[in-house]
Protein backbone atom coordinates (compact mmCIF):
# COMPACT_ATOMS: atom_id res chain seq x y z
CA MET A 1 -6.24 -5.18 -23.74
CA PRO A 2 -6.77 -8.80 -23.13
CA LEU A 3 -5.10 -10.00 -19.88
CA SER A 4 -2.79 -12.50 -21.71
CA ASP A 5 -1.37 -9.41 -23.54
CA THR A 6 -0.47 -7.39 -20.41
CA PRO A 7 2.93 -7.88 -18.47
CA LEU A 8 1.10 -9.30 -15.56
CA SER A 9 1.68 -12.48 -13.56
CA VAL A 10 -0.79 -13.98 -11.23
CA SER A 11 0.48 -16.48 -8.87
CA HIS A 12 -0.79 -20.04 -9.00
CA ASP A 13 -2.61 -19.71 -5.53
CA VAL A 14 -4.22 -16.43 -6.46
CA ALA A 15 -5.33 -17.71 -10.01
CA ASP A 16 -6.70 -20.96 -8.46
CA ALA A 17 -8.72 -18.89 -5.83
CA LEU A 18 -10.02 -16.49 -8.48
CA SER A 19 -11.18 -19.22 -10.86
CA SER A 20 -12.93 -21.23 -7.97
CA GLY A 21 -14.58 -18.28 -6.14
CA THR A 22 -12.36 -18.32 -3.16
CA PRO A 23 -11.89 -14.98 -1.46
CA VAL A 24 -8.86 -13.04 -2.28
CA VAL A 25 -7.43 -9.73 -0.89
CA ALA A 26 -4.63 -7.63 -2.30
CA LEU A 27 -2.00 -6.15 -0.21
CA GLU A 28 0.42 -3.33 -1.20
CA SER A 29 4.16 -3.87 -1.11
CA THR A 30 5.24 -0.17 -0.18
CA ILE A 31 4.30 -0.81 3.29
CA ILE A 32 6.89 -3.64 3.55
CA SER A 33 9.59 -1.88 1.47
CA HIS A 34 9.30 1.71 2.67
CA GLY A 35 6.96 1.74 5.68
CA LEU A 36 9.09 -0.43 8.04
CA PRO A 37 12.63 -0.95 9.27
CA LYS A 38 14.33 -3.54 7.15
CA SER A 39 14.82 -5.72 10.05
CA GLU A 40 11.07 -5.97 10.73
CA ALA A 41 9.70 -5.83 7.14
CA LEU A 42 9.81 -9.56 6.09
CA ASP A 43 8.25 -10.78 9.38
CA ALA A 44 5.57 -8.15 8.93
CA ALA A 45 4.74 -9.35 5.23
CA HIS A 46 4.42 -12.93 6.59
CA ARG A 47 2.19 -11.89 9.39
CA PHE A 48 -0.08 -9.86 6.98
CA GLU A 49 -0.44 -12.78 4.78
CA GLN A 50 -0.96 -15.18 7.33
CA LEU A 51 -3.69 -12.98 8.99
CA LEU A 52 -5.71 -13.67 5.73
CA ARG A 53 -4.89 -17.39 5.44
CA ASP A 54 -6.09 -17.87 8.99
CA GLN A 55 -9.47 -16.40 7.84
CA GLY A 56 -9.64 -18.73 4.65
CA VAL A 57 -8.65 -15.93 2.29
CA VAL A 58 -5.79 -16.11 -0.17
CA PRO A 59 -3.35 -13.11 0.01
CA ALA A 60 -2.07 -11.30 -3.14
CA THR A 61 0.82 -9.31 -2.21
CA VAL A 62 1.32 -6.90 -5.34
CA ALA A 63 4.62 -5.73 -6.58
CA VAL A 64 6.51 -5.19 -9.84
CA LEU A 65 9.55 -7.38 -10.30
CA ASP A 66 11.83 -7.86 -13.41
CA GLY A 67 9.53 -5.81 -15.71
CA ARG A 68 6.33 -7.65 -14.82
CA MET A 69 3.38 -6.63 -12.47
CA ARG A 70 2.94 -9.59 -9.75
CA ALA A 71 -0.38 -10.33 -8.07
CA GLY A 72 0.75 -13.10 -5.41
CA LEU A 73 4.27 -13.52 -4.57
CA THR A 74 6.43 -16.42 -3.85
CA GLU A 75 8.57 -16.52 -0.73
CA SER A 76 11.63 -15.51 -2.58
CA GLU A 77 9.84 -12.65 -4.07
CA LEU A 78 8.45 -11.33 -0.82
CA GLU A 79 12.01 -11.45 0.53
CA ARG A 80 13.29 -9.28 -2.29
CA VAL A 81 10.54 -6.79 -1.59
CA ALA A 82 11.42 -6.61 2.10
CA THR A 83 15.16 -6.62 1.76
CA GLU A 84 16.20 -4.91 -1.53
CA ASP A 85 16.08 -1.00 -2.09
CA LEU A 86 13.18 -0.78 -4.48
CA PRO A 87 11.79 2.37 -5.54
CA LYS A 88 8.17 3.26 -4.75
CA LEU A 89 5.99 2.91 -7.98
CA SER A 90 2.70 4.96 -8.53
CA MET A 91 0.77 5.00 -11.70
CA ARG A 92 2.79 7.12 -13.97
CA ASP A 93 5.90 5.09 -13.05
CA LEU A 94 4.45 1.76 -14.17
CA PRO A 95 5.09 2.08 -18.03
CA VAL A 96 8.54 3.39 -17.51
CA VAL A 97 9.67 0.50 -15.13
CA LEU A 98 7.90 -2.17 -17.08
CA ALA A 99 9.60 -0.97 -20.21
CA ARG A 100 12.98 -0.98 -18.72
CA GLY A 101 12.35 -4.47 -17.11
CA GLY A 102 12.70 -2.81 -13.61
CA SER A 103 11.26 -3.56 -10.15
CA GLY A 104 9.55 -1.74 -7.44
CA SER A 105 7.14 -1.59 -4.69
CA THR A 106 3.51 -0.71 -5.39
CA THR A 107 1.50 2.23 -3.86
CA VAL A 108 -2.41 2.42 -3.25
CA ALA A 109 -2.76 3.69 -6.77
CA SER A 110 -0.73 1.11 -8.51
CA THR A 111 -1.62 -1.69 -6.28
CA SER A 112 -5.40 -0.85 -7.03
CA PHE A 113 -4.59 -0.98 -10.75
CA ILE A 114 -2.79 -4.06 -10.77
CA ALA A 115 -5.32 -5.89 -8.53
CA ASP A 116 -7.98 -4.83 -11.02
CA GLN A 117 -6.15 -6.14 -13.86
CA ALA A 118 -5.82 -9.45 -12.12
CA GLY A 119 -9.60 -9.42 -11.31
CA ILE A 120 -9.13 -8.89 -7.50
CA ARG A 121 -11.94 -6.81 -5.90
CA VAL A 122 -10.89 -6.18 -2.27
CA PHE A 123 -7.71 -4.68 -1.13
CA ALA A 124 -6.45 -3.89 2.33
CA THR A 125 -4.00 -1.30 3.24
CA GLY A 126 -3.00 1.26 5.92
CA GLY A 127 -3.93 4.78 4.96
CA LEU A 128 -4.68 6.56 1.75
CA GLY A 129 -2.76 9.46 -0.09
CA GLY A 130 -4.83 12.41 -0.32
CA VAL A 131 -4.68 16.22 -0.60
CA HIS A 132 -1.55 17.82 0.82
CA ARG A 133 -1.75 20.86 3.20
CA GLY A 134 -1.12 23.87 1.13
CA ALA A 135 -2.34 22.23 -2.15
CA ALA A 136 -3.99 25.47 -3.05
CA GLN A 137 -0.38 26.73 -3.75
CA SER A 138 1.50 23.47 -4.56
CA PHE A 139 -1.23 21.44 -6.17
CA ASP A 140 0.10 18.43 -4.50
CA GLU A 141 -2.33 15.73 -4.54
CA SER A 142 -1.77 11.89 -4.27
CA ALA A 143 -2.32 9.85 -7.50
CA ASP A 144 -4.44 7.58 -5.19
CA LEU A 145 -7.51 9.73 -5.55
CA LYS A 146 -7.59 9.79 -9.31
CA THR A 147 -6.82 6.12 -9.62
CA LEU A 148 -9.76 5.16 -7.15
CA SER A 149 -12.11 7.29 -9.32
CA GLU A 150 -11.23 4.92 -12.29
CA VAL A 151 -10.91 1.44 -10.84
CA PRO A 152 -13.54 -0.46 -9.29
CA ILE A 153 -11.71 -1.57 -6.32
CA THR A 154 -12.86 -1.74 -2.69
CA VAL A 155 -10.22 -0.45 -0.40
CA VAL A 156 -10.23 -0.98 3.25
CA SER A 157 -8.12 1.90 4.98
CA ALA A 158 -7.99 3.86 8.13
CA GLY A 159 -8.75 7.08 6.36
CA VAL A 160 -5.84 9.35 5.16
CA LYS A 161 -2.87 10.33 7.53
CA SER A 162 -3.30 13.41 9.70
CA ILE A 163 -0.32 15.02 8.03
CA LEU A 164 -2.69 15.59 4.91
CA ASP A 165 -5.63 18.11 4.58
CA ILE A 166 -8.40 15.65 5.42
CA PRO A 167 -11.49 17.91 4.68
CA ALA A 168 -9.95 18.75 1.29
CA THR A 169 -9.31 15.03 0.53
CA LEU A 170 -13.01 14.29 1.33
CA GLU A 171 -14.13 17.08 -0.95
CA ARG A 172 -11.94 15.65 -3.70
CA LEU A 173 -13.34 12.06 -3.27
CA GLU A 174 -16.77 13.52 -3.74
CA SER A 175 -15.97 15.33 -6.81
CA LEU A 176 -14.47 12.20 -8.14
CA GLY A 177 -17.40 10.10 -7.41
CA VAL A 178 -15.50 7.68 -5.05
CA ILE A 179 -17.86 6.08 -2.64
CA VAL A 180 -16.82 6.37 1.04
CA LEU A 181 -18.41 3.98 3.57
CA GLY A 182 -17.62 4.27 7.31
CA TYR A 183 -17.16 0.97 8.70
CA GLY A 184 -19.31 0.90 11.98
CA THR A 185 -18.71 4.72 12.22
CA ALA A 186 -20.37 7.88 10.89
CA GLU A 187 -16.98 9.83 11.14
CA PHE A 188 -13.99 9.51 8.77
CA PRO A 189 -10.99 7.85 10.72
CA GLY A 190 -7.86 9.92 11.32
CA PHE A 191 -5.46 7.15 10.68
CA TRP A 192 -3.43 7.12 13.95
CA LEU A 193 -6.63 8.52 15.62
CA SER A 194 -10.10 6.69 15.56
CA SER A 195 -11.79 9.89 14.26
CA SER A 196 -10.72 12.78 12.26
CA GLY A 197 -13.94 14.55 13.42
CA GLN A 198 -15.16 14.76 9.64
CA PRO A 199 -18.64 13.35 9.13
CA LEU A 200 -19.46 10.88 6.52
CA ASP A 201 -22.63 10.57 4.36
CA TRP A 202 -22.91 6.73 4.55
CA SER A 203 -22.02 4.21 7.23
CA VAL A 204 -22.23 0.41 7.03
CA PRO A 205 -22.51 -1.92 9.99
CA ASP A 206 -20.77 -5.12 8.63
CA ALA A 207 -18.98 -6.84 5.54
CA ASP A 208 -22.27 -8.07 4.11
CA ALA A 209 -23.35 -4.53 3.78
CA VAL A 210 -20.21 -3.65 2.03
CA ALA A 211 -20.64 -6.43 -0.56
CA ALA A 212 -24.25 -5.44 -1.15
CA VAL A 213 -22.88 -1.89 -2.29
CA MET A 214 -20.17 -3.73 -4.38
CA GLU A 215 -22.89 -5.72 -6.00
CA SER A 216 -25.04 -2.65 -6.61
CA ARG A 217 -21.97 -0.79 -8.15
CA GLU A 218 -21.32 -3.77 -10.48
CA GLN A 219 -24.98 -3.75 -11.52
CA LEU A 220 -24.78 -0.08 -12.40
CA GLU A 221 -21.43 -0.60 -14.26
CA MET A 222 -19.86 2.19 -12.37
CA CYS A 223 -16.07 2.33 -12.48
CA GLU A 224 -15.52 4.25 -9.18
CA GLY A 225 -13.86 2.69 -6.21
CA ILE A 226 -15.21 2.01 -2.79
CA ILE A 227 -13.23 3.27 0.22
CA VAL A 228 -14.11 1.35 3.38
CA ALA A 229 -13.15 3.78 6.15
CA ASN A 230 -12.16 1.33 9.10
CA PRO A 231 -11.16 3.23 12.32
CA LEU A 232 -9.10 1.85 15.18
CA PRO A 233 -10.75 1.07 18.28
CA VAL A 234 -10.28 4.04 20.76
CA SER A 235 -8.22 1.82 23.03
CA GLU A 236 -5.70 1.18 20.40
CA GLN A 237 -5.21 4.73 18.77
CA LEU A 238 -2.28 6.94 19.27
CA ASP A 239 -2.57 9.20 22.26
CA PRO A 240 -4.40 12.33 20.84
CA GLU A 241 -2.05 14.77 22.84
CA VAL A 242 1.01 13.01 21.78
CA HIS A 243 -0.21 12.94 18.24
CA ASP A 244 -1.01 16.64 18.17
CA ARG A 245 2.39 17.64 19.52
CA ALA A 246 4.25 15.42 17.17
CA LEU A 247 2.43 16.55 14.14
CA GLU A 248 2.60 20.32 15.00
CA GLU A 249 6.58 19.88 15.63
CA ALA A 250 6.93 17.76 12.47
CA LEU A 251 4.99 20.47 10.43
CA ARG A 252 7.23 23.08 11.92
CA ARG A 253 10.32 21.29 11.03
CA ALA A 254 9.21 20.79 7.54
CA GLY A 255 8.67 24.21 7.06
CA GLU A 256 11.84 25.32 8.64
CA LYS A 257 13.96 23.08 6.30
CA GLN A 258 11.69 23.93 3.24
CA VAL A 259 10.83 20.37 2.49
CA GLU A 260 8.73 20.33 -0.58
CA GLY A 261 7.10 18.07 -3.24
CA LYS A 262 7.38 14.19 -2.67
CA ASP A 263 9.89 14.56 0.02
CA VAL A 264 7.22 16.27 2.40
CA THR A 265 5.31 12.83 3.23
CA PRO A 266 8.38 10.67 4.24
CA PHE A 267 9.91 13.60 6.04
CA LEU A 268 6.91 14.02 8.20
CA LEU A 269 6.33 10.50 8.83
CA SER A 270 9.90 9.88 10.04
CA SER A 271 9.75 12.93 12.11
CA ILE A 272 6.44 11.73 13.59
CA VAL A 273 8.03 8.09 14.44
CA GLU A 274 10.97 10.06 16.15
CA LEU A 275 8.67 12.39 18.03
CA THR A 276 6.48 9.54 19.31
CA ALA A 277 9.55 7.26 20.27
CA GLY A 278 8.35 4.77 17.58
CA ARG A 279 4.87 4.57 18.99
CA SER A 280 3.23 5.88 15.65
CA LEU A 281 5.08 2.96 13.78
CA ALA A 282 3.55 0.41 16.25
CA VAL A 283 0.11 2.01 15.85
CA ASN A 284 0.72 1.95 12.02
CA LEU A 285 1.06 -1.97 12.21
CA THR A 286 -1.98 -2.33 14.32
CA ILE A 287 -3.88 -0.36 11.54
CA VAL A 288 -2.64 -2.56 8.78
CA GLU A 289 -3.58 -5.61 10.66
CA ASN A 290 -7.05 -4.45 11.64
CA ASN A 291 -7.67 -3.40 8.12
CA ILE A 292 -6.62 -6.86 6.66
CA ARG A 293 -8.95 -8.55 9.17
CA VAL A 294 -11.92 -6.48 7.83
CA GLY A 295 -10.70 -6.91 4.19
CA ALA A 296 -10.80 -10.66 4.72
CA GLU A 297 -14.41 -10.44 6.08
CA ILE A 298 -15.37 -8.12 3.12
CA ALA A 299 -13.76 -10.64 0.61
CA THR A 300 -15.54 -13.57 2.07
CA ALA A 301 -18.95 -11.82 1.92
CA TRP A 302 -18.31 -10.91 -1.81
CA ALA A 303 -17.32 -14.38 -2.59
CA ARG A 304 -20.52 -15.49 -1.29
CA LEU A 305 -22.37 -13.17 -3.77
């Protein structure tokens, strides 16, 4: 479908950058609307965008507002995302919400789709969704994985959260043909931890190497995405002992309360924030900012090509 026929609005700043070859990085809005306390969300959204501007990159925060997909938000739109109680929208939610003229924040999957529709090739986030623990019985798997197998986006993330089944997630990514590159590492990051202990097939030293892989993928006309697995420095990770105790207790609570389906992830994450006395949330913000900086470097290297 031609871009003009889709319910997509691209901000003037983002459209001008794309037409002139200025680097652009997409940002998801679920981090703002659901990942942070309301009192901190708008300041964090401003900080995320400013990190990109400071590196000469145009930010394109993505959301759905009033029945339109939006790549790049005005100040008032960003404030809406940070302050209103918006639903979290994945891929299957988009047609329904757009048809109803509704609004919502976008996940990794829906942000990747909308960024691709706008012509944006680099997206920075915190962590990806993946295969849930016990998926052999529940079949619980994030839509992020399927979407990344169909959209040629390059996503910078700190791996997947340790509440998920990381080995199974890597197996699914391999089956789906999604490229996974360790950014200066040969091991897949563990989100709050610098390493999950899972080895990776491919590692790259810098942004230019990522851009070269992007260019090669374009030449092959492949549609699968690229995950740039960017670990936190060891000095900034959550203390592994604190992490392991909190995760074990959060999983125990979820089992005791029989939390299931889409309620599992928010329950576990909120439990871990409580059990770490807010430390996991602070590390989460550091993760996002670290990935945004790397995303800016990759977008700049891609723009040079």
